[in-house]
Amino acid sequence: MDYQVLIYAVASLGALGLFFGFALAFVAKKFHVEVDPRMEEVIEALPGANCGGCGYPGCNAYAEAVTKGAAVNLCPPGGAETAEAVGKIMGVEAGAGTKLMAVVRCQGDHAHAKNAFEYYGVPTCAAADKIDNGHKLCADGCLGFGDCVRSCGFDALFMSEGGLPVVIEDKCVACGACVTACPRGIMELIPADEPVYLACVNNDRGKAVKDACTVGCIGCSMCAREKGNPNGGIVMDGALPVVDFAHEGHDFSDPLKACPSGCFVRRLPLDEKPVEEKVKEKEKVEAVGV
């Protein structure tokens, strides 16, 4: 054995190891990013749902944003308790925030909305929406394949026998996943204390709407007029009313009564239709495989 060659090889490897070690140490020091020590505390205080409801891609990203000045009350699943805990870590007041709730802005179930053709493709709303703008005659209506239901990580949605998503409000944390998943913009987050909302997103008018869905908005603008809505808060955007929940003094129970198509929906209070009933309906639907 040539020991001299072996010694040279070992010495060369040692020198290379030493060089790369110093290089890595230099790079680590040069590009080191300081991490706020409070970030780990904020992560521990968050529920870990990673739902994106805060507007950031996961709890870690939100925790980092908080340490850089983001509001501490943006976590829907955590609610006021988490906001208070994170605020305490950051040394700021949490603030009340606005509790939100997911609602379904469509009533076009199997009984009310017509199909333009039979769809035999991939059973997802995202896929169906790409085939000739969807199989529903209403170009804006719910396609009924439940992409929103599958996106919900809190079991707060299920598909009814009529083919529309149903929100179980006690379980909804307003994460917004269903809003993102729906290709038609049917799902929306509204203030949780609002009892009435507009359940239609159709942009057509009159007969074109009625031919497609018997409960669609016909664009009559009755809800935006003083006679049908004396307290204001609704303006027309083309044929579709736009509801402003921030409008001072609004009371959308007036448009609820004035709308000739029944497009405004009153969310039932929990004591009128308990969550247990919705859960039973969900179990029934799942049992028959709707």
C-alpha atoms as a PDB file:
ATOM      1  CA  MET A   1       0.000   0.000   0.000  1.00  0.00           C
ATOM      2  CA  ASP A   2       1.279   3.470  -0.867  1.00  0.00           C
ATOM      3  CA  TYR A   3       0.914   5.176   2.528  1.00  0.00           C
ATOM      4  CA  GLN A   4       2.045   8.487   1.107  1.00  0.00           C
ATOM      5  CA  VAL A   5      -0.899   8.539  -1.327  1.00  0.00           C
ATOM      6  CA  LEU A   6      -3.261   7.545   1.509  1.00  0.00           C
ATOM      7  CA  ILE A   7      -1.961  10.337   3.719  1.00  0.00           C
ATOM      8  CA  TYR A   8      -2.352  12.844   0.877  1.00  0.00           C
ATOM      9  CA  ALA A   9      -5.929  11.645   0.237  1.00  0.00           C
ATOM     10  CA  VAL A  10      -6.904  11.916   3.897  1.00  0.00           C
ATOM     11  CA  ALA A  11      -5.255  15.320   4.193  1.00  0.00           C
ATOM     12  CA  SER A  12      -7.044  16.526   1.033  1.00  0.00           C
ATOM     13  CA  LEU A  13     -10.417  15.335   2.295  1.00  0.00           C
ATOM     14  CA  GLY A  14      -9.770  16.966   5.646  1.00  0.00           C
ATOM     15  CA  ALA A  15      -8.803  20.238   3.969  1.00  0.00           C
ATOM     16  CA  LEU A  16     -11.903  20.145   1.776  1.00  0.00           C
ATOM     17  CA  GLY A  17     -14.098  19.404   4.809  1.00  0.00           C
ATOM     18  CA  LEU A  18     -12.540  22.290   6.698  1.00  0.00           C
ATOM     19  CA  PHE A  19     -12.992  24.620   3.719  1.00  0.00           C
ATOM     20  CA  PHE A  20     -16.625  23.736   3.192  1.00  0.00           C
ATOM     21  CA  GLY A  21     -17.272  23.976   6.919  1.00  0.00           C
ATOM     22  CA  PHE A  22     -15.945  27.545   6.992  1.00  0.00           C
ATOM     23  CA  ALA A  23     -17.882  28.322   3.791  1.00  0.00           C
ATOM     24  CA  LEU A  24     -21.143  27.051   5.241  1.00  0.00           C
ATOM     25  CA  ALA A  25     -20.549  28.972   8.458  1.00  0.00           C
ATOM     26  CA  PHE A  26     -19.873  32.140   6.473  1.00  0.00           C
ATOM     27  CA  VAL A  27     -23.004  31.704   4.325  1.00  0.00           C
ATOM     28  CA  ALA A  28     -25.142  30.914   7.380  1.00  0.00           C
ATOM     29  CA  LYS A  29     -23.919  34.055   9.119  1.00  0.00           C
ATOM     30  CA  LYS A  30     -24.198  36.185   5.995  1.00  0.00           C
ATOM     31  CA  PHE A  31     -27.782  35.162   5.173  1.00  0.00           C
ATOM     32  CA  HIS A  32     -29.059  34.553   8.684  1.00  0.00           C
ATOM     33  CA  VAL A  33     -32.612  35.793   9.176  1.00  0.00           C
ATOM     34  CA  GLU A  34     -33.539  36.882  12.653  1.00  0.00           C
ATOM     35  CA  VAL A  35     -36.731  35.196  13.890  1.00  0.00           C
ATOM     36  CA  ASP A  36     -38.844  36.991  16.442  1.00  0.00           C
ATOM     37  CA  PRO A  37     -38.821  34.733  19.530  1.00  0.00           C
ATOM     38  CA  ARG A  38     -42.516  35.518  20.015  1.00  0.00           C
ATOM     39  CA  MET A  39     -43.356  33.696  16.784  1.00  0.00           C
ATOM     40  CA  GLU A  40     -43.190  30.271  18.434  1.00  0.00           C
ATOM     41  CA  GLU A  41     -45.443  31.498  21.237  1.00  0.00           C
ATOM     42  CA  VAL A  42     -47.982  32.775  18.714  1.00  0.00           C
ATOM     43  CA  ILE A  43     -47.900  29.449  16.839  1.00  0.00           C
ATOM     44  CA  GLU A  44     -48.581  27.639  20.118  1.00  0.00           C
ATOM     45  CA  ALA A  45     -51.539  29.945  20.812  1.00  0.00           C
ATOM     46  CA  LEU A  46     -53.126  29.331  17.403  1.00  0.00           C
ATOM     47  CA  PRO A  47     -55.463  26.331  16.905  1.00  0.00           C
ATOM     48  CA  GLY A  48     -53.313  24.831  14.148  1.00  0.00           C
ATOM     49  CA  ALA A  49     -56.182  24.451  11.679  1.00  0.00           C
ATOM     50  CA  ASN A  50     -54.112  25.886   8.786  1.00  0.00           C
ATOM     51  CA  CYS A  51     -57.424  26.793   7.123  1.00  0.00           C
ATOM     52  CA  GLY A  52     -56.260  30.070   5.565  1.00  0.00           C
ATOM     53  CA  GLY A  53     -59.185  32.006   7.010  1.00  0.00           C
ATOM     54  CA  CYS A  54     -56.782  34.661   8.283  1.00  0.00           C
ATOM     55  CA  GLY A  55     -55.663  35.401   4.731  1.00  0.00           C
ATOM     56  CA  TYR A  56     -52.277  33.700   5.145  1.00  0.00           C
ATOM     57  CA  PRO A  57     -51.223  30.229   3.921  1.00  0.00           C
ATOM     58  CA  GLY A  58     -51.282  28.498   7.286  1.00  0.00           C
ATOM     59  CA  CYS A  59     -50.755  29.224  10.965  1.00  0.00           C
ATOM     60  CA  ASN A  60     -46.964  29.599  10.723  1.00  0.00           C
ATOM     61  CA  ALA A  61     -47.274  32.274   8.040  1.00  0.00           C
ATOM     62  CA  TYR A  62     -49.912  34.096  10.063  1.00  0.00           C
ATOM     63  CA  ALA A  63     -47.766  33.900  13.222  1.00  0.00           C
ATOM     64  CA  GLU A  64     -44.867  35.442  11.321  1.00  0.00           C
ATOM     65  CA  ALA A  65     -47.153  38.185   9.987  1.00  0.00           C
ATOM     66  CA  VAL A  66     -48.403  38.910  13.511  1.00  0.00           C
ATOM     67  CA  THR A  67     -44.842  39.474  14.739  1.00  0.00           C
ATOM     68  CA  LYS A  68     -44.449  41.966  11.904  1.00  0.00           C
ATOM     69  CA  GLY A  69     -47.555  43.943  12.792  1.00  0.00           C
ATOM     70  CA  ALA A  70     -50.549  42.060  11.387  1.00  0.00           C
ATOM     71  CA  ALA A  71     -53.796  42.188  13.382  1.00  0.00           C
ATOM     72  CA  VAL A  72     -54.016  39.584  16.147  1.00  0.00           C
ATOM     73  CA  ASN A  73     -57.721  38.856  15.680  1.00  0.00           C
ATOM     74  CA  LEU A  74     -57.748  37.347  12.182  1.00  0.00           C
ATOM     75  CA  CYS A  75     -58.056  33.674  13.171  1.00  0.00           C
ATOM     76  CA  PRO A  76     -61.699  32.563  12.639  1.00  0.00           C
ATOM     77  CA  PRO A  77     -61.385  29.096  14.260  1.00  0.00           C
ATOM     78  CA  GLY A  78     -59.665  30.534  17.325  1.00  0.00           C
ATOM     79  CA  GLY A  79     -62.151  33.336  17.826  1.00  0.00           C
ATOM     80  CA  ALA A  80     -61.967  35.852  20.653  1.00  0.00           C
ATOM     81  CA  GLU A  81     -60.081  33.513  23.005  1.00  0.00           C
ATOM     82  CA  THR A  82     -57.196  33.008  20.584  1.00  0.00           C
ATOM     83  CA  ALA A  83     -57.154  36.697  19.655  1.00  0.00           C
ATOM     84  CA  GLU A  84     -56.822  37.598  23.329  1.00  0.00           C
ATOM     85  CA  ALA A  85     -54.008  35.089  23.829  1.00  0.00           C
ATOM     86  CA  VAL A  86     -52.073  36.291  20.784  1.00  0.00           C
ATOM     87  CA  GLY A  87     -52.702  39.916  21.775  1.00  0.00           C
ATOM     88  CA  LYS A  88     -51.243  39.214  25.205  1.00  0.00           C
ATOM     89  CA  ILE A  89     -48.110  37.746  23.627  1.00  0.00           C
ATOM     90  CA  MET A  90     -47.712  40.773  21.355  1.00  0.00           C
ATOM     91  CA  GLY A  91     -48.662  43.270  24.047  1.00  0.00           C
ATOM     92  CA  VAL A  92     -51.619  44.735  22.143  1.00  0.00           C
ATOM     93  CA  GLU A  93     -55.381  44.846  22.506  1.00  0.00           C
ATOM     94  CA  ALA A  94     -57.067  42.100  20.546  1.00  0.00           C
ATOM     95  CA  GLY A  95     -60.195  44.045  19.572  1.00  0.00           C
ATOM     96  CA  ALA A  96     -63.579  42.497  18.946  1.00  0.00           C
ATOM     97  CA  GLY A  97     -63.393  41.940  15.187  1.00  0.00           C
ATOM     98  CA  THR A  98     -66.400  40.904  13.145  1.00  0.00           C
ATOM     99  CA  LYS A  99     -67.611  37.328  13.390  1.00  0.00           C
ATOM    100  CA  LEU A 100     -68.479  35.995   9.959  1.00  0.00           C
ATOM    101  CA  MET A 101     -70.633  33.144   8.690  1.00  0.00           C
ATOM    102  CA  ALA A 102     -70.708  31.247   5.397  1.00  0.00           C
ATOM    103  CA  VAL A 103     -73.968  31.437   3.460  1.00  0.00           C
ATOM    104  CA  VAL A 104     -75.170  29.828   0.225  1.00  0.00           C
ATOM    105  CA  ARG A 105     -76.172  32.438  -2.344  1.00  0.00           C
ATOM    106  CA  CYS A 106     -78.315  30.159  -4.465  1.00  0.00           C
ATOM    107  CA  GLN A 107     -81.691  28.465  -4.072  1.00  0.00           C
ATOM    108  CA  GLY A 108     -81.581  26.670  -7.398  1.00  0.00           C
ATOM    109  CA  ASP A 109     -82.011  23.095  -6.234  1.00  0.00           C
ATOM    110  CA  HIS A 110     -83.359  20.220  -8.361  1.00  0.00           C
ATOM    111  CA  ALA A 111     -86.937  21.441  -7.886  1.00  0.00           C
ATOM    112  CA  HIS A 112     -86.321  25.036  -8.987  1.00  0.00           C
ATOM    113  CA  ALA A 113     -83.377  25.119 -11.423  1.00  0.00           C
ATOM    114  CA  LYS A 114     -83.309  23.500 -14.862  1.00  0.00           C
ATOM    115  CA  ASN A 115     -80.441  21.778 -16.629  1.00  0.00           C
ATOM    116  CA  ALA A 116     -79.293  22.790 -20.095  1.00  0.00           C
ATOM    117  CA  PHE A 117     -77.963  19.273 -20.747  1.00  0.00           C
ATOM    118  CA  GLU A 118     -77.014  16.085 -18.931  1.00  0.00           C
ATOM    119  CA  TYR A 119     -73.471  16.122 -17.594  1.00  0.00           C
ATOM    120  CA  TYR A 120     -71.530  12.835 -17.471  1.00  0.00           C
ATOM    121  CA  GLY A 121     -68.045  14.152 -16.765  1.00  0.00           C
ATOM    122  CA  VAL A 122     -65.911  14.308 -13.632  1.00  0.00           C
ATOM    123  CA  PRO A 123     -68.340  14.943 -10.735  1.00  0.00           C
ATOM    124  CA  THR A 124     -66.831  18.180  -9.466  1.00  0.00           C
ATOM    125  CA  CYS A 125     -68.066  21.737  -9.865  1.00  0.00           C
ATOM    126  CA  ALA A 126     -64.637  22.863 -11.102  1.00  0.00           C
ATOM    127  CA  ALA A 127     -64.744  20.329 -13.950  1.00  0.00           C
ATOM    128  CA  ALA A 128     -68.415  20.842 -14.819  1.00  0.00           C
ATOM    129  CA  ASP A 129     -67.972  24.619 -14.957  1.00  0.00           C
ATOM    130  CA  LYS A 130     -65.467  24.220 -17.794  1.00  0.00           C
ATOM    131  CA  ILE A 131     -67.852  22.240 -20.030  1.00  0.00           C
ATOM    132  CA  ASP A 132     -69.896  24.789 -21.986  1.00  0.00           C
ATOM    133  CA  ASN A 133     -70.154  26.979 -18.858  1.00  0.00           C
ATOM    134  CA  GLY A 134     -71.789  24.207 -16.845  1.00  0.00           C
ATOM    135  CA  HIS A 135     -74.829  21.990 -17.273  1.00  0.00           C
ATOM    136  CA  LYS A 136     -77.223  24.303 -15.431  1.00  0.00           C
ATOM    137  CA  LEU A 137     -79.383  26.553 -17.571  1.00  0.00           C
ATOM    138  CA  CYS A 138     -78.523  29.318 -15.094  1.00  0.00           C
ATOM    139  CA  ALA A 139     -74.979  30.266 -15.993  1.00  0.00           C
ATOM    140  CA  ASP A 140     -74.331  31.465 -12.444  1.00  0.00           C
ATOM    141  CA  GLY A 141     -76.156  28.847 -10.363  1.00  0.00           C
ATOM    142  CA  CYS A 142     -74.856  26.113  -8.074  1.00  0.00           C
ATOM    143  CA  LEU A 143     -73.630  23.093 -10.025  1.00  0.00           C
ATOM    144  CA  GLY A 144     -74.362  20.758  -7.121  1.00  0.00           C
ATOM    145  CA  PHE A 145     -71.258  18.550  -6.959  1.00  0.00           C
ATOM    146  CA  GLY A 146     -70.137  19.741  -3.530  1.00  0.00           C
ATOM    147  CA  ASP A 147     -66.628  21.116  -4.078  1.00  0.00           C
ATOM    148  CA  CYS A 148     -67.401  23.473  -1.204  1.00  0.00           C
ATOM    149  CA  VAL A 149     -68.365  20.556   1.062  1.00  0.00           C
ATOM    150  CA  ARG A 150     -65.133  18.687   0.348  1.00  0.00           C
ATOM    151  CA  SER A 151     -63.084  21.828   1.006  1.00  0.00           C
ATOM    152  CA  CYS A 152     -64.509  22.316   4.499  1.00  0.00           C
ATOM    153  CA  GLY A 153     -62.186  21.022   7.188  1.00  0.00           C
ATOM    154  CA  PHE A 154     -64.719  21.510   9.966  1.00  0.00           C
ATOM    155  CA  ASP A 155     -67.590  19.314   8.730  1.00  0.00           C
ATOM    156  CA  ALA A 156     -69.770  22.433   8.581  1.00  0.00           C
ATOM    157  CA  LEU A 157     -71.246  21.755   5.133  1.00  0.00           C
ATOM    158  CA  PHE A 158     -73.195  18.982   3.473  1.00  0.00           C
ATOM    159  CA  MET A 159     -75.193  18.568   0.267  1.00  0.00           C
ATOM    160  CA  SER A 160     -78.975  18.478   0.637  1.00  0.00           C
ATOM    161  CA  GLU A 161     -81.215  16.008  -1.157  1.00  0.00           C
ATOM    162  CA  GLY A 162     -82.101  18.881  -3.487  1.00  0.00           C
ATOM    163  CA  GLY A 163     -78.470  19.281  -4.535  1.00  0.00           C
ATOM    164  CA  LEU A 164     -77.517  22.447  -2.665  1.00  0.00           C
ATOM    165  CA  PRO A 165     -74.898  22.924   0.060  1.00  0.00           C
ATOM    166  CA  VAL A 166     -76.220  23.460   3.599  1.00  0.00           C
ATOM    167  CA  VAL A 167     -74.230  25.299   6.269  1.00  0.00           C
ATOM    168  CA  ILE A 168     -74.253  23.960   9.830  1.00  0.00           C
ATOM    169  CA  GLU A 169     -73.681  27.317  11.480  1.00  0.00           C
ATOM    170  CA  ASP A 170     -72.526  26.005  14.858  1.00  0.00           C
ATOM    171  CA  LYS A 171     -69.614  24.310  13.118  1.00  0.00           C
ATOM    172  CA  CYS A 172     -68.730  27.043  10.625  1.00  0.00           C
ATOM    173  CA  VAL A 173     -65.597  29.018  11.545  1.00  0.00           C
ATOM    174  CA  ALA A 174     -65.707  31.277   8.450  1.00  0.00           C
ATOM    175  CA  CYS A 175     -62.339  30.055   7.202  1.00  0.00           C
ATOM    176  CA  GLY A 176     -63.345  30.880   3.621  1.00  0.00           C
ATOM    177  CA  ALA A 177     -62.266  27.533   2.123  1.00  0.00           C
ATOM    178  CA  CYS A 178     -65.727  26.989   0.631  1.00  0.00           C
ATOM    179  CA  VAL A 179     -65.673  30.457  -0.909  1.00  0.00           C
ATOM    180  CA  THR A 180     -62.380  29.688  -2.632  1.00  0.00           C
ATOM    181  CA  ALA A 181     -63.526  26.220  -3.765  1.00  0.00           C
ATOM    182  CA  CYS A 182     -66.738  27.348  -5.491  1.00  0.00           C
ATOM    183  CA  PRO A 183     -66.151  28.238  -9.166  1.00  0.00           C
ATOM    184  CA  ARG A 184     -69.496  30.089  -9.330  1.00  0.00           C
ATOM    185  CA  GLY A 185     -69.055  32.420  -6.353  1.00  0.00           C
ATOM    186  CA  ILE A 186     -72.101  30.889  -4.636  1.00  0.00           C
ATOM    187  CA  MET A 187     -70.506  30.753  -1.181  1.00  0.00           C
ATOM    188  CA  GLU A 188     -69.975  34.014   0.671  1.00  0.00           C
ATOM    189  CA  LEU A 189     -68.945  35.138   4.141  1.00  0.00           C
ATOM    190  CA  ILE A 190     -71.282  37.688   5.720  1.00  0.00           C
ATOM    191  CA  PRO A 191     -71.478  39.147   9.240  1.00  0.00           C
ATOM    192  CA  ALA A 192     -72.796  36.394  11.503  1.00  0.00           C
ATOM    193  CA  ASP A 193     -75.371  38.682  13.109  1.00  0.00           C
ATOM    194  CA  GLU A 194     -77.076  39.493   9.774  1.00  0.00           C
ATOM    195  CA  PRO A 195     -80.428  37.656   9.637  1.00  0.00           C
ATOM    196  CA  VAL A 196     -81.186  38.345   5.941  1.00  0.00           C
ATOM    197  CA  TYR A 197     -79.042  38.036   2.817  1.00  0.00           C
ATOM    198  CA  LEU A 198     -79.474  37.880  -0.967  1.00  0.00           C
ATOM    199  CA  ALA A 199     -79.422  34.251  -2.157  1.00  0.00           C
ATOM    200  CA  CYS A 200     -78.813  34.744  -5.866  1.00  0.00           C
ATOM    201  CA  VAL A 201     -75.848  35.709  -8.054  1.00  0.00           C
ATOM    202  CA  ASN A 202     -77.597  35.565 -11.447  1.00  0.00           C
ATOM    203  CA  ASN A 203     -76.753  38.501 -13.710  1.00  0.00           C
ATOM    204  CA  ASP A 204     -79.590  38.071 -16.225  1.00  0.00           C
ATOM    205  CA  ARG A 205     -83.024  39.684 -16.238  1.00  0.00           C
ATOM    206  CA  GLY A 206     -86.673  38.737 -16.392  1.00  0.00           C
ATOM    207  CA  LYS A 207     -87.723  35.823 -18.579  1.00  0.00           C
ATOM    208  CA  ALA A 208     -84.153  34.647 -19.147  1.00  0.00           C
ATOM    209  CA  VAL A 209     -83.859  34.092 -15.404  1.00  0.00           C
ATOM    210  CA  LYS A 210     -87.284  32.504 -14.912  1.00  0.00           C
ATOM    211  CA  ASP A 211     -86.691  30.078 -17.779  1.00  0.00           C
ATOM    212  CA  ALA A 212     -83.626  28.830 -15.917  1.00  0.00           C
ATOM    213  CA  CYS A 213     -84.688  29.074 -12.262  1.00  0.00           C
ATOM    214  CA  THR A 214     -88.009  29.874 -10.648  1.00  0.00           C
ATOM    215  CA  VAL A 215     -86.363  31.496  -7.625  1.00  0.00           C
ATOM    216  CA  GLY A 216     -83.755  33.574  -9.472  1.00  0.00           C
ATOM    217  CA  CYS A 217     -83.381  37.353  -9.232  1.00  0.00           C
ATOM    218  CA  ILE A 218     -85.063  38.985 -12.241  1.00  0.00           C
ATOM    219  CA  GLY A 219     -83.332  42.358 -11.809  1.00  0.00           C
ATOM    220  CA  CYS A 220     -86.517  44.296 -11.052  1.00  0.00           C
ATOM    221  CA  SER A 221     -84.598  46.555  -8.606  1.00  0.00           C
ATOM    222  CA  MET A 222     -87.555  46.592  -6.177  1.00  0.00           C
ATOM    223  CA  CYS A 223     -85.153  45.884  -3.294  1.00  0.00           C
ATOM    224  CA  ALA A 224     -83.006  48.899  -4.201  1.00  0.00           C
ATOM    225  CA  ARG A 225     -85.899  51.375  -4.354  1.00  0.00           C
ATOM    226  CA  GLU A 226     -87.066  53.384  -1.388  1.00  0.00           C
ATOM    227  CA  LYS A 227     -90.522  51.817  -1.555  1.00  0.00           C
ATOM    228  CA  GLY A 228     -89.154  48.297  -1.172  1.00  0.00           C
ATOM    229  CA  ASN A 229     -86.200  49.209   1.011  1.00  0.00           C
ATOM    230  CA  PRO A 230     -86.695  52.498   2.888  1.00  0.00           C
ATOM    231  CA  ASN A 231     -83.548  52.037   4.990  1.00  0.00           C
ATOM    232  CA  GLY A 232     -81.166  51.748   2.031  1.00  0.00           C
ATOM    233  CA  GLY A 233     -78.027  49.642   1.774  1.00  0.00           C
ATOM    234  CA  ILE A 234     -78.749  48.058  -1.617  1.00  0.00           C
ATOM    235  CA  VAL A 235     -77.728  49.334  -5.050  1.00  0.00           C
ATOM    236  CA  MET A 236     -78.045  47.712  -8.461  1.00  0.00           C
ATOM    237  CA  ASP A 237     -74.971  46.522 -10.339  1.00  0.00           C
ATOM    238  CA  GLY A 238     -76.524  45.888 -13.723  1.00  0.00           C
ATOM    239  CA  ALA A 239     -79.312  43.391 -13.079  1.00  0.00           C
ATOM    240  CA  LEU A 240     -78.006  42.186  -9.713  1.00  0.00           C
ATOM    241  CA  PRO A 241     -78.565  43.900  -6.342  1.00  0.00           C
ATOM    242  CA  VAL A 242     -75.452  44.533  -4.243  1.00  0.00           C
ATOM    243  CA  VAL A 243     -76.064  44.354  -0.509  1.00  0.00           C
ATOM    244  CA  ASP A 244     -74.006  46.595   1.796  1.00  0.00           C
ATOM    245  CA  PHE A 245     -74.017  45.140   5.304  1.00  0.00           C
ATOM    246  CA  ALA A 246     -71.996  48.123   6.538  1.00  0.00           C
ATOM    247  CA  HIS A 247     -74.752  50.581   5.606  1.00  0.00           C
ATOM    248  CA  GLU A 248     -75.885  52.380   8.737  1.00  0.00           C
ATOM    249  CA  GLY A 249     -79.463  51.669   9.774  1.00  0.00           C
ATOM    250  CA  HIS A 250     -80.083  48.944   7.183  1.00  0.00           C
ATOM    251  CA  ASP A 251     -82.893  46.471   7.667  1.00  0.00           C
ATOM    252  CA  PHE A 252     -83.036  43.901   4.911  1.00  0.00           C
ATOM    253  CA  SER A 253     -86.249  42.390   6.216  1.00  0.00           C
ATOM    254  CA  ASP A 254     -87.988  45.022   4.048  1.00  0.00           C
ATOM    255  CA  PRO A 255     -86.470  43.722   0.771  1.00  0.00           C
ATOM    256  CA  LEU A 256     -87.231  40.219   2.047  1.00  0.00           C
ATOM    257  CA  LYS A 257     -90.917  41.118   1.920  1.00  0.00           C
ATOM    258  CA  ALA A 258     -90.714  43.249  -1.236  1.00  0.00           C
ATOM    259  CA  CYS A 259     -88.819  40.843  -3.510  1.00  0.00           C
ATOM    260  CA  PRO A 260     -91.332  39.245  -5.927  1.00  0.00           C
ATOM    261  CA  SER A 261     -89.010  36.281  -6.602  1.00  0.00           C
ATOM    262  CA  GLY A 262     -88.162  35.430  -3.007  1.00  0.00           C
ATOM    263  CA  CYS A 263     -84.441  35.938  -3.579  1.00  0.00           C
ATOM    264  CA  PHE A 264     -83.771  37.227  -0.089  1.00  0.00           C
ATOM    265  CA  VAL A 265     -83.351  34.565   2.590  1.00  0.00           C
ATOM    266  CA  ARG A 266     -83.871  34.799   6.325  1.00  0.00           C
ATOM    267  CA  ARG A 267     -81.379  32.673   8.204  1.00  0.00           C
ATOM    268  CA  LEU A 268     -83.349  30.688  10.760  1.00  0.00           C
ATOM    269  CA  PRO A 269     -82.378  31.267  14.386  1.00  0.00           C
ATOM    270  CA  LEU A 270     -80.881  28.225  16.078  1.00  0.00           C
ATOM    271  CA  ASP A 271     -83.865  27.801  18.383  1.00  0.00           C
ATOM    272  CA  GLU A 272     -86.196  27.608  15.352  1.00  0.00           C
ATOM    273  CA  LYS A 273     -84.219  24.945  13.514  1.00  0.00           C
ATOM    274  CA  PRO A 274     -81.665  23.460  15.912  1.00  0.00           C
ATOM    275  CA  VAL A 275     -78.282  22.344  14.677  1.00  0.00           C
ATOM    276  CA  GLU A 276     -79.285  18.806  15.646  1.00  0.00           C
ATOM    277  CA  GLU A 277     -81.932  18.846  12.896  1.00  0.00           C
ATOM    278  CA  LYS A 278     -79.376  19.832  10.272  1.00  0.00           C
ATOM    279  CA  VAL A 279     -77.028  17.133  11.511  1.00  0.00           C
ATOM    280  CA  LYS A 280     -79.843  14.567  11.225  1.00  0.00           C
ATOM    281  CA  GLU A 281     -80.595  15.791   7.702  1.00  0.00           C
ATOM    282  CA  LYS A 282     -76.913  15.447   6.864  1.00  0.00           C
ATOM    283  CA  GLU A 283     -76.828  11.878   8.199  1.00  0.00           C
ATOM    284  CA  LYS A 284     -79.953  11.028   6.216  1.00  0.00           C
ATOM    285  CA  VAL A 285     -78.457  12.354   2.988  1.00  0.00           C
ATOM    286  CA  GLU A 286     -75.212  10.468   3.573  1.00  0.00           C
ATOM    287  CA  ALA A 287     -77.141   7.269   4.336  1.00  0.00           C
ATOM    288  CA  VAL A 288     -78.925   7.296   0.983  1.00  0.00           C
ATOM    289  CA  GLY A 289     -75.810   8.412  -0.848  1.00  0.00           C
ATOM    290  CA  VAL A 290     -77.150  11.634  -2.357  1.00  0.00           C
END
